[in-house]
Amino acid sequence: MIRLGSALHISSSGNIIVKIENLPKIGDKVVDENLNVVGEVFDIFGPVSAPYAAVKPKTTKPENLVNKLLYVFPRSKVKGRW
């Protein structure tokens, strides 16, 4: 589990905007401090020095997550053939 960052606000499209501390990958699962799944990383945007992430929520009340720390479970690497 890696610390993603703090949820700033809910966008007009309903996504949770997070100020990134550790760069995730698109599609990584996002959880709160109680390991409840909050959503998944939908987009990464902003300047390289201070990026933001849009998290597509999978909760009924994403506004309760504003000003809370969120964490990410990185996807496991899939072993396969080239």
C-alpha atoms as a PDB file:
ATOM      1  CA  MET A   1       0.000   0.000   0.000  1.00  0.00           C
ATOM      2  CA  ILE A   2       1.422   3.352  -1.062  1.00  0.00           C
ATOM      3  CA  ARG A   3       0.262   6.785   0.090  1.00  0.00           C
ATOM      4  CA  LEU A   4      -1.398   8.522  -2.875  1.00  0.00           C
ATOM      5  CA  GLY A   5      -2.148  11.923  -1.360  1.00  0.00           C
ATOM      6  CA  SER A   6      -4.880  14.132   0.038  1.00  0.00           C
ATOM      7  CA  ALA A   7      -8.312  14.467  -1.570  1.00  0.00           C
ATOM      8  CA  LEU A   8      -8.879  18.140  -2.399  1.00  0.00           C
ATOM      9  CA  HIS A   9     -12.427  18.296  -3.780  1.00  0.00           C
ATOM     10  CA  ILE A  10     -15.015  16.679  -6.042  1.00  0.00           C
ATOM     11  CA  SER A  11     -14.928  17.841  -9.670  1.00  0.00           C
ATOM     12  CA  SER A  12     -18.020  18.854 -11.634  1.00  0.00           C
ATOM     13  CA  SER A  13     -17.883  15.470 -13.386  1.00  0.00           C
ATOM     14  CA  GLY A  14     -17.987  13.689 -10.016  1.00  0.00           C
ATOM     15  CA  ASN A  15     -14.339  12.589  -9.824  1.00  0.00           C
ATOM     16  CA  ILE A  16     -12.272  12.934  -6.654  1.00  0.00           C
ATOM     17  CA  ILE A  17      -9.299  15.265  -7.248  1.00  0.00           C
ATOM     18  CA  VAL A  18      -6.187  14.224  -5.328  1.00  0.00           C
ATOM     19  CA  LYS A  19      -2.884  16.093  -4.878  1.00  0.00           C
ATOM     20  CA  ILE A  20      -0.366  13.328  -5.653  1.00  0.00           C
ATOM     21  CA  GLU A  21       2.528  12.499  -3.325  1.00  0.00           C
ATOM     22  CA  ASN A  22       3.568   9.216  -4.998  1.00  0.00           C
ATOM     23  CA  LEU A  23       2.850   8.802  -8.706  1.00  0.00           C
ATOM     24  CA  PRO A  24       0.330   6.011  -9.382  1.00  0.00           C
ATOM     25  CA  LYS A  25      -0.574   4.283 -12.643  1.00  0.00           C
ATOM     26  CA  ILE A  26      -3.927   4.694 -14.335  1.00  0.00           C
ATOM     27  CA  GLY A  27      -6.203   1.877 -13.208  1.00  0.00           C
ATOM     28  CA  ASP A  28      -4.662   1.430  -9.731  1.00  0.00           C
ATOM     29  CA  LYS A  29      -7.210   0.815  -6.957  1.00  0.00           C
ATOM     30  CA  VAL A  30      -7.570   3.631  -4.414  1.00  0.00           C
ATOM     31  CA  VAL A  31      -8.456   2.910  -0.766  1.00  0.00           C
ATOM     32  CA  ASP A  32      -8.980   4.955   2.389  1.00  0.00           C
ATOM     33  CA  GLU A  33      -7.264   4.483   5.772  1.00  0.00           C
ATOM     34  CA  ASN A  34      -9.672   1.620   6.616  1.00  0.00           C
ATOM     35  CA  LEU A  35      -8.779  -0.231   3.384  1.00  0.00           C
ATOM     36  CA  ASN A  36     -12.245   0.396   1.920  1.00  0.00           C
ATOM     37  CA  VAL A  37     -12.100   0.666  -1.868  1.00  0.00           C
ATOM     38  CA  VAL A  38     -12.825   4.260  -2.843  1.00  0.00           C
ATOM     39  CA  GLY A  39     -12.328   4.028  -6.602  1.00  0.00           C
ATOM     40  CA  GLU A  40      -9.595   3.808  -9.196  1.00  0.00           C
ATOM     41  CA  VAL A  41      -7.164   6.251 -10.779  1.00  0.00           C
ATOM     42  CA  PHE A  42      -8.872   7.622 -13.883  1.00  0.00           C
ATOM     43  CA  ASP A  43      -6.485  10.374 -15.013  1.00  0.00           C
ATOM     44  CA  ILE A  44      -3.240  12.113 -14.056  1.00  0.00           C
ATOM     45  CA  PHE A  45      -2.882  15.782 -14.965  1.00  0.00           C
ATOM     46  CA  GLY A  46      -1.189  19.040 -14.051  1.00  0.00           C
ATOM     47  CA  PRO A  47       2.446  20.095 -14.002  1.00  0.00           C
ATOM     48  CA  VAL A  48       5.149  17.461 -13.668  1.00  0.00           C
ATOM     49  CA  SER A  49       6.444  19.093 -10.485  1.00  0.00           C
ATOM     50  CA  ALA A  50       3.030  18.957  -8.738  1.00  0.00           C
ATOM     51  CA  PRO A  51       0.645  16.463 -10.415  1.00  0.00           C
ATOM     52  CA  TYR A  52      -2.971  15.711  -9.576  1.00  0.00           C
ATOM     53  CA  ALA A  53      -5.051  12.571 -10.046  1.00  0.00           C
ATOM     54  CA  ALA A  54      -8.703  12.165 -10.899  1.00  0.00           C
ATOM     55  CA  VAL A  55     -10.159   9.163  -9.077  1.00  0.00           C
ATOM     56  CA  LYS A  56     -13.377   7.662 -10.436  1.00  0.00           C
ATOM     57  CA  PRO A  57     -15.359   6.996  -7.232  1.00  0.00           C
ATOM     58  CA  LYS A  58     -16.972   3.666  -6.395  1.00  0.00           C
ATOM     59  CA  THR A  59     -18.574   4.981  -3.200  1.00  0.00           C
ATOM     60  CA  THR A  60     -22.011   6.475  -2.733  1.00  0.00           C
ATOM     61  CA  LYS A  61     -20.743   9.603  -0.913  1.00  0.00           C
ATOM     62  CA  PRO A  62     -17.363  10.699  -2.296  1.00  0.00           C
ATOM     63  CA  GLU A  63     -17.751  14.136  -0.665  1.00  0.00           C
ATOM     64  CA  ASN A  64     -16.983  12.467   2.697  1.00  0.00           C
ATOM     65  CA  LEU A  65     -13.415  11.835   1.475  1.00  0.00           C
ATOM     66  CA  VAL A  66     -12.473  15.499   1.006  1.00  0.00           C
ATOM     67  CA  ASN A  67      -9.390  16.415   3.109  1.00  0.00           C
ATOM     68  CA  LYS A  68      -8.661  12.739   3.859  1.00  0.00           C
ATOM     69  CA  LEU A  69      -5.549  10.777   2.946  1.00  0.00           C
ATOM     70  CA  LEU A  70      -5.968   8.166   0.249  1.00  0.00           C
ATOM     71  CA  TYR A  71      -3.758   5.213  -0.563  1.00  0.00           C
ATOM     72  CA  VAL A  72      -3.198   3.110  -3.667  1.00  0.00           C
ATOM     73  CA  PHE A  73      -2.710  -0.601  -4.219  1.00  0.00           C
ATOM     74  CA  PRO A  74      -0.418  -0.922  -7.226  1.00  0.00           C
ATOM     75  CA  ARG A  75      -1.402  -3.528  -9.766  1.00  0.00           C
ATOM     76  CA  SER A  76       0.716  -6.642  -9.574  1.00  0.00           C
ATOM     77  CA  LYS A  77       2.977  -7.278 -12.503  1.00  0.00           C
ATOM     78  CA  VAL A  78       1.606  -9.951 -14.782  1.00  0.00           C
ATOM     79  CA  LYS A  79       4.105 -12.530 -15.874  1.00  0.00           C
ATOM     80  CA  GLY A  80       3.590 -13.513 -19.446  1.00  0.00           C
ATOM     81  CA  ARG A  81       5.225 -14.172 -22.719  1.00  0.00           C
ATOM     82  CA  TRP A  82       6.417 -11.481 -25.050  1.00  0.00           C
END
